[in-house]
C-alpha atoms as a PDB file:
ATOM      1  CA  UNK A   1     -85.429 117.312  98.008  1.00  0.00           C
ATOM      2  CA  UNK A   2     -82.549 118.215  99.603  1.00  0.00           C
ATOM      3  CA  UNK A   3     -79.872 120.707  98.267  1.00  0.00           C
ATOM      4  CA  UNK A   4     -81.979 122.688  96.007  1.00  0.00           C
ATOM      5  CA  UNK A   5     -79.607 125.247  94.644  1.00  0.00           C
ATOM      6  CA  UNK A   6     -79.230 126.691  91.010  1.00  0.00           C
ATOM      7  CA  UNK A   7     -75.691 127.539  91.818  1.00  0.00           C
ATOM      8  CA  UNK A   8     -73.418 125.218  90.159  1.00  0.00           C
ATOM      9  CA  UNK A   9     -70.617 125.651  92.825  1.00  0.00           C
ATOM     10  CA  UNK A  10     -73.120 124.760  95.615  1.00  0.00           C
ATOM     11  CA  UNK A  11     -74.177 121.254  94.167  1.00  0.00           C
ATOM     12  CA  UNK A  12     -73.543 118.254  96.177  1.00  0.00           C
ATOM     13  CA  UNK A  13     -70.652 117.070  94.102  1.00  0.00           C
ATOM     14  CA  UNK A  14     -68.782 120.633  93.856  1.00  0.00           C
ATOM     15  CA  UNK A  15     -69.410 121.100  97.841  1.00  0.00           C
ATOM     16  CA  UNK A  16     -67.631 117.975  98.309  1.00  0.00           C
ATOM     17  CA  UNK A  17     -64.717 119.296  96.184  1.00  0.00           C
ATOM     18  CA  UNK A  18     -63.804 121.978  98.644  1.00  0.00           C
ATOM     19  CA  UNK A  19     -61.622 119.597 100.520  1.00  0.00           C
ATOM     20  CA  UNK A  20     -57.689 120.043  99.694  1.00  0.00           C
ATOM     21  CA  UNK A  21     -57.907 116.149  98.939  1.00  0.00           C
ATOM     22  CA  UNK A  22     -60.847 116.612  96.659  1.00  0.00           C
ATOM     23  CA  UNK A  23     -59.739 119.619  95.168  1.00  0.00           C
ATOM     24  CA  UNK A  24     -56.374 118.147  94.009  1.00  0.00           C
ATOM     25  CA  UNK A  25     -58.702 114.953  92.917  1.00  0.00           C
ATOM     26  CA  UNK A  26     -60.891 117.628  91.048  1.00  0.00           C
ATOM     27  CA  UNK A  27     -57.729 119.351  89.575  1.00  0.00           C
ATOM     28  CA  UNK A  28     -56.747 116.273  88.046  1.00  0.00           C
ATOM     29  CA  UNK A  29     -59.884 115.483  86.489  1.00  0.00           C
ATOM     30  CA  UNK A  30     -60.523 115.591  82.697  1.00  0.00           C
ATOM     31  CA  UNK A  31     -64.243 116.369  82.512  1.00  0.00           C
ATOM     32  CA  UNK A  32     -63.979 119.554  84.871  1.00  0.00           C
ATOM     33  CA  UNK A  33     -62.277 122.516  84.833  1.00  0.00           C
ATOM     34  CA  UNK A  34     -61.894 124.676  88.047  1.00  0.00           C
ATOM     35  CA  UNK A  35     -60.389 127.892  88.688  1.00  0.00           C
ATOM     36  CA  UNK A  36     -60.851 130.708  91.586  1.00  0.00           C
ATOM     37  CA  UNK A  37     -59.880 134.128  91.532  1.00  0.00           C
ATOM     38  CA  UNK A  38     -60.252 137.529  93.130  1.00  0.00           C
ATOM     39  CA  UNK A  39     -60.990 141.142  91.833  1.00  0.00           C
ATOM     40  CA  UNK A  40     -61.014 142.943  95.373  1.00  0.00           C
ATOM     41  CA  UNK A  41     -63.717 141.703  97.402  1.00  0.00           C
ATOM     42  CA  UNK A  42     -65.389 139.597  94.645  1.00  0.00           C
ATOM     43  CA  UNK A  43     -64.675 136.016  94.351  1.00  0.00           C
ATOM     44  CA  UNK A  44     -64.730 134.833  90.980  1.00  0.00           C
ATOM     45  CA  UNK A  45     -65.314 130.648  90.652  1.00  0.00           C
ATOM     46  CA  UNK A  46     -64.840 129.502  86.808  1.00  0.00           C
ATOM     47  CA  UNK A  47     -65.930 126.244  86.013  1.00  0.00           C
ATOM     48  CA  UNK A  48     -66.240 124.476  82.650  1.00  0.00           C
ATOM     49  CA  UNK A  49     -67.743 120.817  82.386  1.00  0.00           C
ATOM     50  CA  UNK A  50     -67.330 118.789  79.330  1.00  0.00           C
ATOM     51  CA  UNK A  51     -69.440 115.485  78.730  1.00  0.00           C
ATOM     52  CA  UNK A  52     -67.637 113.357  81.008  1.00  0.00           C
ATOM     53  CA  UNK A  53     -67.854 115.838  83.862  1.00  0.00           C
ATOM     54  CA  UNK A  54     -71.619 116.295  83.238  1.00  0.00           C
ATOM     55  CA  UNK A  55     -71.605 112.437  84.321  1.00  0.00           C
ATOM     56  CA  UNK A  56     -69.467 112.954  87.209  1.00  0.00           C
ATOM     57  CA  UNK A  57     -71.565 115.954  88.666  1.00  0.00           C
ATOM     58  CA  UNK A  58     -75.056 115.799  87.041  1.00  0.00           C
ATOM     59  CA  UNK A  59     -74.601 119.332  85.736  1.00  0.00           C
ATOM     60  CA  UNK A  60     -75.220 120.272  81.977  1.00  0.00           C
ATOM     61  CA  UNK A  61     -71.749 120.674  79.925  1.00  0.00           C
ATOM     62  CA  UNK A  62     -70.614 124.344  79.374  1.00  0.00           C
ATOM     63  CA  UNK A  63     -68.998 127.384  81.215  1.00  0.00           C
ATOM     64  CA  UNK A  64     -70.152 128.557  84.609  1.00  0.00           C
ATOM     65  CA  UNK A  65     -69.031 131.944  86.116  1.00  0.00           C
ATOM     66  CA  UNK A  66     -70.142 132.960  89.816  1.00  0.00           C
ATOM     67  CA  UNK A  67     -69.217 136.247  91.158  1.00  0.00           C
ATOM     68  CA  UNK A  68     -69.607 136.499  94.723  1.00  0.00           C
ATOM     69  CA  UNK A  69     -68.852 139.250  97.310  1.00  0.00           C
ATOM     70  CA  UNK A  70     -70.428 138.509 100.896  1.00  0.00           C
ATOM     71  CA  UNK A  71     -69.562 141.783 101.960  1.00  0.00           C
ATOM     72  CA  UNK A  72     -71.829 143.253  99.523  1.00  0.00           C
ATOM     73  CA  UNK A  73     -75.092 145.246 100.914  1.00  0.00           C
ATOM     74  CA  UNK A  74     -77.907 146.825  99.208  1.00  0.00           C
ATOM     75  CA  UNK A  75     -76.548 150.338 100.327  1.00  0.00           C
ATOM     76  CA  UNK A  76     -73.025 149.771  99.138  1.00  0.00           C
ATOM     77  CA  UNK A  77     -72.680 151.617  95.721  1.00  0.00           C
ATOM     78  CA  UNK A  78     -68.794 151.326  95.771  1.00  0.00           C
ATOM     79  CA  UNK A  79     -68.987 147.314  96.343  1.00  0.00           C
ATOM     80  CA  UNK A  80     -71.951 147.591  93.474  1.00  0.00           C
ATOM     81  CA  UNK A  81     -70.025 149.452  91.381  1.00  0.00           C
ATOM     82  CA  UNK A  82     -67.085 146.813  91.603  1.00  0.00           C
ATOM     83  CA  UNK A  83     -69.162 143.809  90.939  1.00  0.00           C
ATOM     84  CA  UNK A  84     -70.618 145.527  88.201  1.00  0.00           C
ATOM     85  CA  UNK A  85     -67.404 146.036  86.411  1.00  0.00           C
ATOM     86  CA  UNK A  86     -66.672 142.396  87.151  1.00  0.00           C
ATOM     87  CA  UNK A  87     -69.793 141.636  85.628  1.00  0.00           C
ATOM     88  CA  UNK A  88     -69.296 143.346  82.154  1.00  0.00           C
ATOM     89  CA  UNK A  89     -65.801 141.802  81.729  1.00  0.00           C
ATOM     90  CA  UNK A  90     -67.013 138.020  82.686  1.00  0.00           C
ATOM     91  CA  UNK A  91     -70.096 138.802  80.115  1.00  0.00           C
ATOM     92  CA  UNK A  92     -67.456 139.824  77.540  1.00  0.00           C
ATOM     93  CA  UNK A  93     -65.312 136.804  78.238  1.00  0.00           C
ATOM     94  CA  UNK A  94     -68.295 134.306  78.077  1.00  0.00           C
ATOM     95  CA  UNK A  95     -69.324 135.875  74.728  1.00  0.00           C
ATOM     96  CA  UNK A  96     -65.817 136.264  73.314  1.00  0.00           C
ATOM     97  CA  UNK A  97     -66.526 133.741  70.691  1.00  0.00           C
ATOM     98  CA  UNK A  98     -69.684 135.715  69.431  1.00  0.00           C
ATOM     99  CA  UNK A  99     -68.828 138.304  67.560  1.00  0.00           C
ATOM    100  CA  UNK A 100     -71.718 141.306  67.542  1.00  0.00           C
ATOM    101  CA  UNK A 101     -71.865 143.224  64.160  1.00  0.00           C
ATOM    102  CA  UNK A 102     -74.698 145.209  62.665  1.00  0.00           C
ATOM    103  CA  UNK A 103     -76.688 142.192  61.559  1.00  0.00           C
ATOM    104  CA  UNK A 104     -76.663 140.608  65.386  1.00  0.00           C
ATOM    105  CA  UNK A 105     -79.945 140.106  66.920  1.00  0.00           C
ATOM    106  CA  UNK A 106     -80.165 139.520  70.439  1.00  0.00           C
ATOM    107  CA  UNK A 107     -83.480 138.315  72.164  1.00  0.00           C
ATOM    108  CA  UNK A 108     -83.054 139.141  75.885  1.00  0.00           C
ATOM    109  CA  UNK A 109     -85.928 137.417  78.148  1.00  0.00           C
ATOM    110  CA  UNK A 110     -86.605 138.362  81.864  1.00  0.00           C
ATOM    111  CA  UNK A 111     -87.969 135.644  83.627  1.00  0.00           C
ATOM    112  CA  UNK A 112     -90.316 135.816  86.657  1.00  0.00           C
ATOM    113  CA  UNK A 113     -93.438 137.352  88.324  1.00  0.00           C
ATOM    114  CA  UNK A 114     -93.216 141.099  88.788  1.00  0.00           C
ATOM    115  CA  UNK A 115     -95.550 140.887  91.379  1.00  0.00           C
ATOM    116  CA  UNK A 116     -93.708 138.914  93.578  1.00  0.00           C
ATOM    117  CA  UNK A 117     -90.570 140.838  94.972  1.00  0.00           C
ATOM    118  CA  UNK A 118     -87.836 138.186  95.163  1.00  0.00           C
ATOM    119  CA  UNK A 119     -88.851 136.617  91.834  1.00  0.00           C
ATOM    120  CA  UNK A 120     -88.894 140.227  90.155  1.00  0.00           C
ATOM    121  CA  UNK A 121     -85.360 140.847  89.001  1.00  0.00           C
ATOM    122  CA  UNK A 122     -85.927 139.386  85.169  1.00  0.00           C
ATOM    123  CA  UNK A 123     -89.089 141.636  84.790  1.00  0.00           C
ATOM    124  CA  UNK A 124     -87.525 144.775  86.393  1.00  0.00           C
ATOM    125  CA  UNK A 125     -84.167 144.484  84.307  1.00  0.00           C
ATOM    126  CA  UNK A 126     -86.530 144.226  81.550  1.00  0.00           C
ATOM    127  CA  UNK A 127     -88.482 147.752  82.387  1.00  0.00           C
ATOM    128  CA  UNK A 128     -84.701 149.529  82.541  1.00  0.00           C
ATOM    129  CA  UNK A 129     -83.744 148.077  79.364  1.00  0.00           C
ATOM    130  CA  UNK A 130     -86.659 148.912  77.600  1.00  0.00           C
ATOM    131  CA  UNK A 131     -85.859 152.644  78.647  1.00  0.00           C
ATOM    132  CA  UNK A 132     -82.011 152.214  77.672  1.00  0.00           C
ATOM    133  CA  UNK A 133     -80.218 153.203  74.492  1.00  0.00           C
ATOM    134  CA  UNK A 134     -80.763 149.381  73.040  1.00  0.00           C
ATOM    135  CA  UNK A 135     -84.290 150.630  71.891  1.00  0.00           C
ATOM    136  CA  UNK A 136     -82.973 152.747  69.313  1.00  0.00           C
ATOM    137  CA  UNK A 137     -79.778 151.156  68.999  1.00  0.00           C
ATOM    138  CA  UNK A 138     -78.506 150.766  64.974  1.00  0.00           C
ATOM    139  CA  UNK A 139     -75.481 148.628  65.810  1.00  0.00           C
ATOM    140  CA  UNK A 140     -77.181 145.471  67.065  1.00  0.00           C
ATOM    141  CA  UNK A 141     -81.298 144.483  67.034  1.00  0.00           C
ATOM    142  CA  UNK A 142     -82.529 143.604  69.918  1.00  0.00           C
ATOM    143  CA  UNK A 143     -86.082 142.404  71.113  1.00  0.00           C
ATOM    144  CA  UNK A 144     -86.697 142.617  75.213  1.00  0.00           C
ATOM    145  CA  UNK A 145     -89.365 140.757  76.852  1.00  0.00           C
ATOM    146  CA  UNK A 146     -90.941 139.702  79.843  1.00  0.00           C
ATOM    147  CA  UNK A 147     -93.162 136.657  79.726  1.00  0.00           C
ATOM    148  CA  UNK A 148     -94.600 136.484  83.383  1.00  0.00           C
ATOM    149  CA  UNK A 149     -94.694 132.926  84.618  1.00  0.00           C
ATOM    150  CA  UNK A 150     -97.386 130.123  84.193  1.00  0.00           C
ATOM    151  CA  UNK A 151     -99.422 130.903  86.810  1.00  0.00           C
ATOM    152  CA  UNK A 152    -100.321 134.126  85.062  1.00  0.00           C
ATOM    153  CA  UNK A 153    -100.738 133.211  81.735  1.00  0.00           C
ATOM    154  CA  UNK A 154    -101.482 129.850  81.677  1.00  0.00           C
ATOM    155  CA  UNK A 155     -98.598 129.262  79.126  1.00  0.00           C
ATOM    156  CA  UNK A 156     -95.224 127.788  79.877  1.00  0.00           C
ATOM    157  CA  UNK A 157     -92.369 130.381  79.392  1.00  0.00           C
ATOM    158  CA  UNK A 158     -90.741 128.580  76.641  1.00  0.00           C
ATOM    159  CA  UNK A 159     -93.888 128.587  74.689  1.00  0.00           C
ATOM    160  CA  UNK A 160     -93.181 132.432  74.728  1.00  0.00           C
ATOM    161  CA  UNK A 161     -89.877 132.188  73.814  1.00  0.00           C
ATOM    162  CA  UNK A 162     -90.374 129.934  71.019  1.00  0.00           C
ATOM    163  CA  UNK A 163     -92.880 132.078  69.270  1.00  0.00           C
ATOM    164  CA  UNK A 164     -90.432 135.089  69.634  1.00  0.00           C
ATOM    165  CA  UNK A 165     -87.705 133.240  68.487  1.00  0.00           C
ATOM    166  CA  UNK A 166     -89.376 131.805  65.450  1.00  0.00           C
ATOM    167  CA  UNK A 167     -90.444 135.408  64.672  1.00  0.00           C
ATOM    168  CA  UNK A 168     -87.264 137.588  65.242  1.00  0.00           C
ATOM    169  CA  UNK A 169     -84.896 134.353  64.545  1.00  0.00           C
ATOM    170  CA  UNK A 170     -82.031 135.808  67.247  1.00  0.00           C
ATOM    171  CA  UNK A 171     -78.365 135.035  67.201  1.00  0.00           C
ATOM    172  CA  UNK A 172     -78.047 135.012  70.836  1.00  0.00           C
ATOM    173  CA  UNK A 173     -80.830 134.584  73.540  1.00  0.00           C
ATOM    174  CA  UNK A 174     -79.746 136.345  77.165  1.00  0.00           C
ATOM    175  CA  UNK A 175     -82.080 134.997  80.027  1.00  0.00           C
ATOM    176  CA  UNK A 176     -82.065 136.875  83.463  1.00  0.00           C
ATOM    177  CA  UNK A 177     -83.882 135.218  86.484  1.00  0.00           C
ATOM    178  CA  UNK A 178     -83.677 134.863  90.159  1.00  0.00           C
ATOM    179  CA  UNK A 179     -82.204 131.792  91.734  1.00  0.00           C
ATOM    180  CA  UNK A 180     -82.314 129.842  94.942  1.00  0.00           C
ATOM    181  CA  UNK A 181     -79.260 129.019  96.857  1.00  0.00           C
ATOM    182  CA  UNK A 182     -78.131 126.388  99.479  1.00  0.00           C
ATOM    183  CA  UNK A 183     -76.116 128.640 101.058  1.00  0.00           C
ATOM    184  CA  UNK A 184     -77.883 131.687 103.111  1.00  0.00           C
ATOM    185  CA  UNK A 185     -74.689 133.659 103.210  1.00  0.00           C
ATOM    186  CA  UNK A 186     -74.905 133.802  99.606  1.00  0.00           C
ATOM    187  CA  UNK A 187     -78.623 135.494  99.248  1.00  0.00           C
ATOM    188  CA  UNK A 188     -78.251 138.477  97.055  1.00  0.00           C
ATOM    189  CA  UNK A 189     -74.630 138.395  97.130  1.00  0.00           C
ATOM    190  CA  UNK A 190     -73.883 136.017  93.997  1.00  0.00           C
ATOM    191  CA  UNK A 191     -74.210 136.364  90.155  1.00  0.00           C
ATOM    192  CA  UNK A 192     -74.040 133.461  88.270  1.00  0.00           C
ATOM    193  CA  UNK A 193     -73.388 133.622  84.215  1.00  0.00           C
ATOM    194  CA  UNK A 194     -73.561 130.221  82.136  1.00  0.00           C
ATOM    195  CA  UNK A 195     -73.939 129.431  78.516  1.00  0.00           C
ATOM    196  CA  UNK A 196     -76.020 126.191  79.274  1.00  0.00           C
ATOM    197  CA  UNK A 197     -79.220 127.905  79.372  1.00  0.00           C
ATOM    198  CA  UNK A 198     -81.730 127.462  82.404  1.00  0.00           C
ATOM    199  CA  UNK A 199     -84.549 125.377  83.856  1.00  0.00           C
ATOM    200  CA  UNK A 200     -87.037 128.091  85.013  1.00  0.00           C
ATOM    201  CA  UNK A 201     -87.928 127.173  88.780  1.00  0.00           C
ATOM    202  CA  UNK A 202     -85.883 123.974  89.247  1.00  0.00           C
ATOM    203  CA  UNK A 203     -84.307 125.582  92.262  1.00  0.00           C
ATOM    204  CA  UNK A 204     -87.390 125.748  94.101  1.00  0.00           C
ATOM    205  CA  UNK A 205     -88.748 122.399  92.906  1.00  0.00           C
ATOM    206  CA  UNK A 206     -91.201 124.047  90.219  1.00  0.00           C
ATOM    207  CA  UNK A 207     -89.056 123.106  87.080  1.00  0.00           C
ATOM    208  CA  UNK A 208     -90.402 123.865  83.735  1.00  0.00           C
ATOM    209  CA  UNK A 209     -89.482 123.401  80.226  1.00  0.00           C
ATOM    210  CA  UNK A 210     -85.657 124.147  79.816  1.00  0.00           C
ATOM    211  CA  UNK A 211     -84.569 127.317  77.625  1.00  0.00           C
ATOM    212  CA  UNK A 212     -81.169 126.272  75.930  1.00  0.00           C
ATOM    213  CA  UNK A 213     -79.259 125.959  72.746  1.00  0.00           C
ATOM    214  CA  UNK A 214     -80.361 122.365  72.623  1.00  0.00           C
ATOM    215  CA  UNK A 215     -83.981 123.675  72.361  1.00  0.00           C
ATOM    216  CA  UNK A 216     -83.783 126.690  70.053  1.00  0.00           C
ATOM    217  CA  UNK A 217     -80.684 126.247  68.012  1.00  0.00           C
ATOM    218  CA  UNK A 218     -78.957 129.437  68.940  1.00  0.00           C
ATOM    219  CA  UNK A 219     -76.546 130.175  72.218  1.00  0.00           C
ATOM    220  CA  UNK A 220     -78.311 131.061  75.084  1.00  0.00           C
ATOM    221  CA  UNK A 221     -76.666 132.537  78.045  1.00  0.00           C
ATOM    222  CA  UNK A 222     -78.367 132.452  81.431  1.00  0.00           C
ATOM    223  CA  UNK A 223     -77.473 135.428  84.247  1.00  0.00           C
ATOM    224  CA  UNK A 224     -78.988 134.872  87.390  1.00  0.00           C
ATOM    225  CA  UNK A 225     -78.998 135.941  91.443  1.00  0.00           C
ATOM    226  CA  UNK A 226     -79.976 134.121  94.316  1.00  0.00           C
ATOM    227  CA  UNK A 227     -82.772 135.436  96.087  1.00  0.00           C
ATOM    228  CA  UNK A 228     -84.184 132.616  98.117  1.00  0.00           C
ATOM    229  CA  UNK A 229     -82.999 130.008 100.482  1.00  0.00           C
ATOM    230  CA  UNK A 230     -84.940 126.922 101.652  1.00  0.00           C
ATOM    231  CA  UNK A 231     -86.183 126.992 105.266  1.00  0.00           C
ATOM    232  CA  UNK A 232     -84.052 124.372 106.603  1.00  0.00           C
ATOM    233  CA  UNK A 233     -80.791 125.642 105.386  1.00  0.00           C
ATOM    234  CA  UNK A 234     -81.578 128.731 107.579  1.00  0.00           C
ATOM    235  CA  UNK A 235     -82.351 126.512 111.055  1.00  0.00           C
ATOM    236  CA  UNK A 236     -78.920 124.875 110.401  1.00  0.00           C
ATOM    237  CA  UNK A 237     -77.099 127.917 110.126  1.00  0.00           C
ATOM    238  CA  UNK A 238     -78.418 129.226 112.924  1.00  0.00           C
ATOM    239  CA  UNK A 239     -77.614 126.102 114.897  1.00  0.00           C
ATOM    240  CA  UNK A 240     -74.304 126.052 113.339  1.00  0.00           C
ATOM    241  CA  UNK A 241     -73.598 129.784 114.569  1.00  0.00           C
ATOM    242  CA  UNK A 242     -75.030 128.947 118.307  1.00  0.00           C
ATOM    243  CA  UNK A 243     -72.738 125.560 118.181  1.00  0.00           C
ATOM    244  CA  UNK A 244     -69.548 127.876 117.167  1.00  0.00           C
ATOM    245  CA  UNK A 245     -70.298 130.583 119.948  1.00  0.00           C
ATOM    246  CA  UNK A 246     -70.937 128.341 122.573  1.00  0.00           C
ATOM    247  CA  UNK A 247     -67.648 126.365 121.761  1.00  0.00           C
ATOM    248  CA  UNK A 248     -65.950 129.362 121.679  1.00  0.00           C
ATOM    249  CA  UNK A 249     -67.037 130.455 125.182  1.00  0.00           C
ATOM    250  CA  UNK A 250     -66.099 126.981 126.258  1.00  0.00           C
ATOM    251  CA  UNK A 251     -62.628 127.257 124.637  1.00  0.00           C
ATOM    252  CA  UNK A 252     -62.031 130.595 126.325  1.00  0.00           C
ATOM    253  CA  UNK A 253     -63.207 129.841 129.780  1.00  0.00           C
ATOM    254  CA  UNK A 254     -60.530 129.613 132.402  1.00  0.00           C
ATOM    255  CA  UNK A 255     -58.015 131.946 130.278  1.00  0.00           C
ATOM    256  CA  UNK A 256     -57.203 135.467 132.072  1.00  0.00           C
ATOM    257  CA  UNK A 257     -58.698 137.408 129.153  1.00  0.00           C
ATOM    258  CA  UNK A 258     -62.509 136.204 129.801  1.00  0.00           C
ATOM    259  CA  UNK A 259     -62.169 137.638 133.212  1.00  0.00           C
ATOM    260  CA  UNK A 260     -61.691 140.973 131.694  1.00  0.00           C
ATOM    261  CA  UNK A 261     -64.714 140.571 129.585  1.00  0.00           C
ATOM    262  CA  UNK A 262     -67.966 143.014 130.447  1.00  0.00           C
ATOM    263  CA  UNK A 263     -69.966 142.135 127.510  1.00  0.00           C
ATOM    264  CA  UNK A 264     -70.784 138.597 125.750  1.00  0.00           C
ATOM    265  CA  UNK A 265     -68.337 137.246 123.544  1.00  0.00           C
ATOM    266  CA  UNK A 266     -68.810 137.044 119.931  1.00  0.00           C
ATOM    267  CA  UNK A 267     -65.760 135.078 118.417  1.00  0.00           C
ATOM    268  CA  UNK A 268     -64.894 135.413 115.102  1.00  0.00           C
ATOM    269  CA  UNK A 269     -62.138 132.471 114.699  1.00  0.00           C
ATOM    270  CA  UNK A 270     -63.018 130.092 112.429  1.00  0.00           C
ATOM    271  CA  UNK A 271     -60.848 127.427 113.755  1.00  0.00           C
ATOM    272  CA  UNK A 272     -62.979 126.522 116.902  1.00  0.00           C
ATOM    273  CA  UNK A 273     -62.631 123.104 118.189  1.00  0.00           C
ATOM    274  CA  UNK A 274     -66.510 122.117 118.410  1.00  0.00           C
ATOM    275  CA  UNK A 275     -65.524 118.801 119.977  1.00  0.00           C
ATOM    276  CA  UNK A 276     -65.588 120.301 123.356  1.00  0.00           C
ATOM    277  CA  UNK A 277     -69.034 120.235 122.863  1.00  0.00           C
ATOM    278  CA  UNK A 278     -69.676 116.490 122.363  1.00  0.00           C
ATOM    279  CA  UNK A 279     -69.928 115.542 126.284  1.00  0.00           C
ATOM    280  CA  UNK A 280     -73.167 118.344 126.255  1.00  0.00           C
ATOM    281  CA  UNK A 281     -74.868 117.683 122.965  1.00  0.00           C
ATOM    282  CA  UNK A 282     -73.066 114.462 121.302  1.00  0.00           C
ATOM    283  CA  UNK A 283     -70.906 113.751 118.761  1.00  0.00           C
ATOM    284  CA  UNK A 284     -73.340 115.733 115.671  1.00  0.00           C
ATOM    285  CA  UNK A 285     -72.427 119.096 116.952  1.00  0.00           C
ATOM    286  CA  UNK A 286     -68.955 117.883 115.148  1.00  0.00           C
ATOM    287  CA  UNK A 287     -70.706 117.378 111.714  1.00  0.00           C
ATOM    288  CA  UNK A 288     -69.759 119.562 109.062  1.00  0.00           C
ATOM    289  CA  UNK A 289     -72.245 122.506 108.164  1.00  0.00           C
ATOM    290  CA  UNK A 290     -73.709 120.328 105.044  1.00  0.00           C
ATOM    291  CA  UNK A 291     -74.513 117.376 107.183  1.00  0.00           C
ATOM    292  CA  UNK A 292     -76.042 119.539 109.738  1.00  0.00           C
ATOM    293  CA  UNK A 293     -78.291 120.850 106.678  1.00  0.00           C
ATOM    294  CA  UNK A 294     -79.415 117.404 105.385  1.00  0.00           C
ATOM    295  CA  UNK A 295     -80.296 116.666 109.103  1.00  0.00           C
ATOM    296  CA  UNK A 296     -82.601 119.484 109.242  1.00  0.00           C
ATOM    297  CA  UNK A 297     -83.775 118.567 106.094  1.00  0.00           C
ATOM    298  CA  UNK A 298     -84.734 115.172 106.960  1.00  0.00           C
ATOM    299  CA  UNK A 299     -86.305 116.058 110.051  1.00  0.00           C
ATOM    300  CA  UNK A 300     -88.504 118.845 108.444  1.00  0.00           C
ATOM    301  CA  UNK A 301     -89.656 116.786 105.570  1.00  0.00           C
ATOM    302  CA  UNK A 302     -93.187 116.980 104.998  1.00  0.00           C
ATOM    303  CA  UNK A 303     -93.251 120.199 107.395  1.00  0.00           C
ATOM    304  CA  UNK A 304     -93.444 123.542 105.283  1.00  0.00           C
ATOM    305  CA  UNK A 305     -91.657 121.935 102.344  1.00  0.00           C
ATOM    306  CA  UNK A 306     -92.384 124.958  99.998  1.00  0.00           C
ATOM    307  CA  UNK A 307     -90.886 127.119 102.484  1.00  0.00           C
ATOM    308  CA  UNK A 308     -88.419 129.630 101.158  1.00  0.00           C
ATOM    309  CA  UNK A 309     -87.075 132.606 102.864  1.00  0.00           C
ATOM    310  CA  UNK A 310     -85.868 135.872 101.256  1.00  0.00           C
ATOM    311  CA  UNK A 311     -83.905 138.950 103.019  1.00  0.00           C
ATOM    312  CA  UNK A 312     -85.960 141.873 104.594  1.00  0.00           C
ATOM    313  CA  UNK A 313     -84.432 144.141 102.129  1.00  0.00           C
ATOM    314  CA  UNK A 314     -85.150 142.500  98.763  1.00  0.00           C
ATOM    315  CA  UNK A 315     -86.936 145.126  97.452  1.00  0.00           C
ATOM    316  CA  UNK A 316     -83.792 147.473  97.533  1.00  0.00           C
ATOM    317  CA  UNK A 317     -81.571 144.328  96.471  1.00  0.00           C
ATOM    318  CA  UNK A 318     -84.117 143.791  93.179  1.00  0.00           C
ATOM    319  CA  UNK A 319     -83.754 147.310  92.204  1.00  0.00           C
ATOM    320  CA  UNK A 320     -80.154 147.131  92.878  1.00  0.00           C
ATOM    321  CA  UNK A 321     -79.656 144.047  90.636  1.00  0.00           C
ATOM    322  CA  UNK A 322     -81.931 145.099  88.073  1.00  0.00           C
ATOM    323  CA  UNK A 323     -80.287 147.984  87.217  1.00  0.00           C
ATOM    324  CA  UNK A 324     -76.876 146.631  87.325  1.00  0.00           C
ATOM    325  CA  UNK A 325     -77.746 143.346  85.019  1.00  0.00           C
ATOM    326  CA  UNK A 326     -79.379 145.717  82.540  1.00  0.00           C
ATOM    327  CA  UNK A 327     -76.613 148.524  82.383  1.00  0.00           C
ATOM    328  CA  UNK A 328     -73.896 145.687  82.199  1.00  0.00           C
ATOM    329  CA  UNK A 329     -75.936 144.401  79.097  1.00  0.00           C
ATOM    330  CA  UNK A 330     -76.390 147.749  77.303  1.00  0.00           C
ATOM    331  CA  UNK A 331     -72.752 148.342  78.069  1.00  0.00           C
ATOM    332  CA  UNK A 332     -71.685 145.143  76.389  1.00  0.00           C
ATOM    333  CA  UNK A 333     -73.772 145.216  73.341  1.00  0.00           C
ATOM    334  CA  UNK A 334     -73.213 149.166  72.793  1.00  0.00           C
ATOM    335  CA  UNK A 335     -69.494 148.947  73.100  1.00  0.00           C
ATOM    336  CA  UNK A 336     -68.814 145.938  70.395  1.00  0.00           C
END
């Protein structure tokens, strides 16, 4: 299955709309409202999908906000502070029609397997929340729980959520989970917030029962961070970098500046003409990145079909995001 991702702006139809002509078509669409902005290094993508838009792109109607900082690193406290502030602002924006009162009840669920690092953001964030001021908060009643995964408990995650919801009767459910990405550059550098709920495991082909307003009768907000990427995506991205580098070398060959170079040149140019390599490799070098990724998916189908990759510093990313999400949720709730 090509294109496994939990991020709406990486879905096939939204990727197609990245071209100028398709973006203009999207702007005129009655089914989708698409907007992009920035807060410093953070790219903010806001997508609203109505019933017509759901038919167009195959994503549930509702609001989706993605916050992406491609310069982010797990050691960069300043950048994390910036994306944390942006996260809190858009968490408020997502719930501007939901008025917190002394009678409000919020159920916070941390999905994932705490023993598998890339999948541990949800349970880790719950740990932080259980040691926060929310445990003794008198303004809003909060219940926090990490149900584990079906392989550990033998039960569907949604069964736990259903049982707690029936007893607690929340006014809002917040769900945190690790996601899958389609673009390796966005690993650990994006947060998605949506009011459409979530299908646990859908991005890695292990889809469970959904957690949504349609199921539980109350608003469900899902918050996720992409922690894994499909194996073939990495193959395609590596080949794309090699092609870019070789094309840059060919383009520079013969220029006086190339004779001055004493080390291998690494080009940062984005407008390299890759067609100069067609006599060597054939016309496929001029294909788009998406087309190359699809080629690798087709080539490797049946070979390591469940291969997903995560960064080597995943443990640091998980700690940073678990703490950031928990403090962001705490700040939003306590500052009502």
